[in-house]
Amino acid sequence: MTRIEKVLYTGKTHTSSGGRDGEARSSDGRLDIKLSSPGSAGSGTNPEQLFAAGWSACFIGAMGKAAGRMKVALPPDLAVDAEVDLGTAGGEYFLQARLNVSLPGLDREVAQALTDAAHQTCPYSKATRGNIDVSIHLV
């Protein structure tokens, strides 16, 4: 396990009782959301959606770093569609994920190199590597 030498940022949240059917608020007040279990009639989001949003945003940042190193301009309409599944196996709960990366206008080889580099450097990708089933698709 790699130990952080310098902390750049700490996200702090408070989630109320109810967990998946509660509320979450960040210490700075910028995040204030209702939570609902996936598939329920509740009006809130769920941890899988939040994880997918965080990972896809981080992945785009990692592609930006890779593009800078490769001296490649990222297309302005690039996108990452993240899908995080909550499921069961053997009576236990697990996650699996897919990242669908769109880099319109880039040569497929260059787009694949950017995607591969981002998956190696993105902190979310590092956190999930070897822990959950992850597929990265260039679309």
Protein backbone atom coordinates (compact mmCIF):
# COMPACT_ATOMS: atom_id res chain seq x y z
CA MET A 1 0.00 0.00 0.00
CA THR A 2 1.29 3.44 -0.95
CA ARG A 3 1.23 6.04 1.82
CA ILE A 4 0.40 9.63 0.90
CA GLU A 5 3.34 11.97 1.49
CA LYS A 6 1.40 15.22 1.10
CA VAL A 7 -2.39 15.53 1.47
CA LEU A 8 -3.76 17.89 -1.19
CA TYR A 9 -7.41 17.84 -0.13
CA THR A 10 -9.70 16.03 2.28
CA GLY A 11 -13.38 15.66 1.43
CA LYS A 12 -15.44 15.56 4.60
CA THR A 13 -19.08 14.54 4.73
CA HIS A 14 -21.65 13.73 7.38
CA THR A 15 -24.30 11.15 6.51
CA SER A 16 -27.33 10.89 8.77
CA SER A 17 -28.94 7.75 10.06
CA GLY A 18 -30.85 6.02 7.36
CA GLY A 19 -27.68 5.50 5.31
CA ARG A 20 -28.92 4.81 1.80
CA ASP A 21 -32.20 6.49 2.73
CA GLY A 22 -30.70 9.39 4.66
CA GLU A 23 -28.96 12.64 3.84
CA ALA A 24 -25.34 13.61 3.25
CA ARG A 25 -23.76 17.01 3.71
CA SER A 26 -20.19 18.16 3.16
CA SER A 27 -18.33 20.13 5.83
CA ASP A 28 -18.16 23.17 3.51
CA GLY A 29 -21.89 23.00 2.66
CA ARG A 30 -21.31 22.64 -1.09
CA LEU A 31 -22.82 19.16 -1.08
CA ASP A 32 -26.22 18.74 0.55
CA ILE A 33 -28.14 15.80 -0.85
CA LYS A 34 -30.88 13.34 -0.08
CA LEU A 35 -30.03 9.66 -0.49
CA SER A 36 -32.33 6.90 -1.69
CA SER A 37 -31.74 3.20 -2.19
CA PRO A 38 -31.27 2.21 -5.86
CA GLY A 39 -34.60 1.33 -7.44
CA SER A 40 -36.65 2.85 -4.62
CA ALA A 41 -39.29 5.52 -5.03
CA GLY A 42 -37.12 7.98 -3.10
CA SER A 43 -36.12 11.29 -4.66
CA GLY A 44 -32.43 11.17 -3.71
CA THR A 45 -29.29 9.89 -5.36
CA ASN A 46 -27.38 6.81 -4.22
CA PRO A 47 -23.77 5.89 -3.44
CA GLU A 48 -23.30 4.11 -6.77
CA GLN A 49 -24.27 7.25 -8.71
CA LEU A 50 -21.99 9.39 -6.56
CA PHE A 51 -19.10 6.98 -7.04
CA ALA A 52 -19.70 6.93 -10.82
CA ALA A 53 -19.75 10.74 -10.96
CA GLY A 54 -16.58 11.09 -8.89
CA TRP A 55 -14.69 8.44 -10.83
CA SER A 56 -15.65 9.79 -14.26
CA ALA A 57 -14.67 13.36 -13.28
CA CYS A 58 -11.33 12.16 -11.88
CA PHE A 59 -10.74 10.01 -14.98
CA ILE A 60 -11.20 13.05 -17.24
CA GLY A 61 -8.65 14.90 -15.12
CA ALA A 62 -6.21 12.00 -15.49
CA MET A 63 -6.74 12.05 -19.27
CA GLY A 64 -5.92 15.76 -19.23
CA LYS A 65 -2.63 15.07 -17.44
CA ALA A 66 -1.82 12.28 -19.91
CA ALA A 67 -2.70 14.52 -22.87
CA GLY A 68 -0.32 17.18 -21.54
CA ARG A 69 2.52 14.66 -21.30
CA MET A 70 1.73 13.33 -24.79
CA LYS A 71 1.31 16.86 -26.20
CA VAL A 72 -2.19 16.02 -27.45
CA ALA A 73 -5.18 18.38 -27.34
CA LEU A 74 -8.26 16.79 -25.81
CA PRO A 75 -11.49 17.35 -27.74
CA PRO A 76 -13.83 19.83 -26.03
CA ASP A 77 -16.72 17.35 -26.24
CA LEU A 78 -14.91 14.44 -24.56
CA ALA A 79 -17.00 12.46 -22.10
CA VAL A 80 -16.82 9.52 -19.73
CA ASP A 81 -19.99 7.58 -19.01
CA ALA A 82 -19.46 5.59 -15.83
CA GLU A 83 -21.67 2.67 -14.87
CA VAL A 84 -21.36 1.23 -11.36
CA ASP A 85 -23.32 -1.92 -10.63
CA LEU A 86 -24.35 -3.03 -7.16
CA GLY A 87 -24.96 -6.77 -7.15
CA THR A 88 -24.66 -9.96 -5.20
CA ALA A 89 -22.66 -13.16 -5.44
CA GLY A 90 -22.85 -15.94 -2.90
CA GLY A 91 -25.15 -13.87 -0.71
CA GLU A 92 -22.62 -11.00 -0.43
CA TYR A 93 -22.82 -7.50 -1.95
CA PHE A 94 -20.26 -6.39 -4.56
CA LEU A 95 -19.60 -3.61 -7.04
CA GLN A 96 -18.46 -3.78 -10.65
CA ALA A 97 -17.94 -0.93 -13.07
CA ARG A 98 -17.58 0.14 -16.67
CA LEU A 99 -16.12 3.37 -17.99
CA ASN A 100 -17.15 4.26 -21.52
CA VAL A 101 -14.73 6.89 -22.82
CA SER A 102 -15.59 9.14 -25.77
CA LEU A 103 -12.76 11.13 -27.39
CA PRO A 104 -14.34 12.27 -30.68
CA GLY A 105 -11.99 13.32 -33.44
CA LEU A 106 -8.89 11.68 -31.99
CA ASP A 107 -7.08 8.89 -33.77
CA ARG A 108 -8.14 5.61 -32.14
CA GLU A 109 -4.54 4.69 -31.21
CA VAL A 110 -3.98 8.04 -29.50
CA ALA A 111 -7.36 7.84 -27.75
CA GLN A 112 -6.53 4.34 -26.49
CA ALA A 113 -3.12 5.48 -25.23
CA LEU A 114 -4.76 8.37 -23.33
CA THR A 115 -7.38 6.05 -21.85
CA ASP A 116 -4.76 3.48 -20.81
CA ALA A 117 -2.57 6.17 -19.22
CA ALA A 118 -5.53 7.67 -17.36
CA HIS A 119 -6.52 4.26 -15.99
CA GLN A 120 -2.98 3.82 -14.64
CA THR A 121 -2.88 7.23 -12.93
CA CYS A 122 -6.47 8.03 -11.88
CA PRO A 123 -6.75 7.60 -8.08
CA TYR A 124 -10.20 5.99 -8.41
CA SER A 125 -8.82 3.48 -10.91
CA LYS A 126 -5.96 2.73 -8.53
CA ALA A 127 -8.37 2.27 -5.62
CA THR A 128 -10.52 -0.22 -7.53
CA ARG A 129 -7.70 -2.12 -9.27
CA GLY A 130 -7.77 -5.74 -8.12
CA ASN A 131 -10.76 -5.08 -5.90
CA ILE A 132 -13.71 -4.99 -8.29
CA ASP A 133 -14.32 -6.01 -11.89
CA VAL A 134 -13.64 -2.95 -14.08
CA SER A 135 -13.98 -2.60 -17.86
CA ILE A 136 -12.75 0.42 -19.79
CA HIS A 137 -14.23 0.88 -23.26
CA LEU A 138 -13.27 3.43 -25.87
CA VAL A 139 -16.48 4.38 -27.68
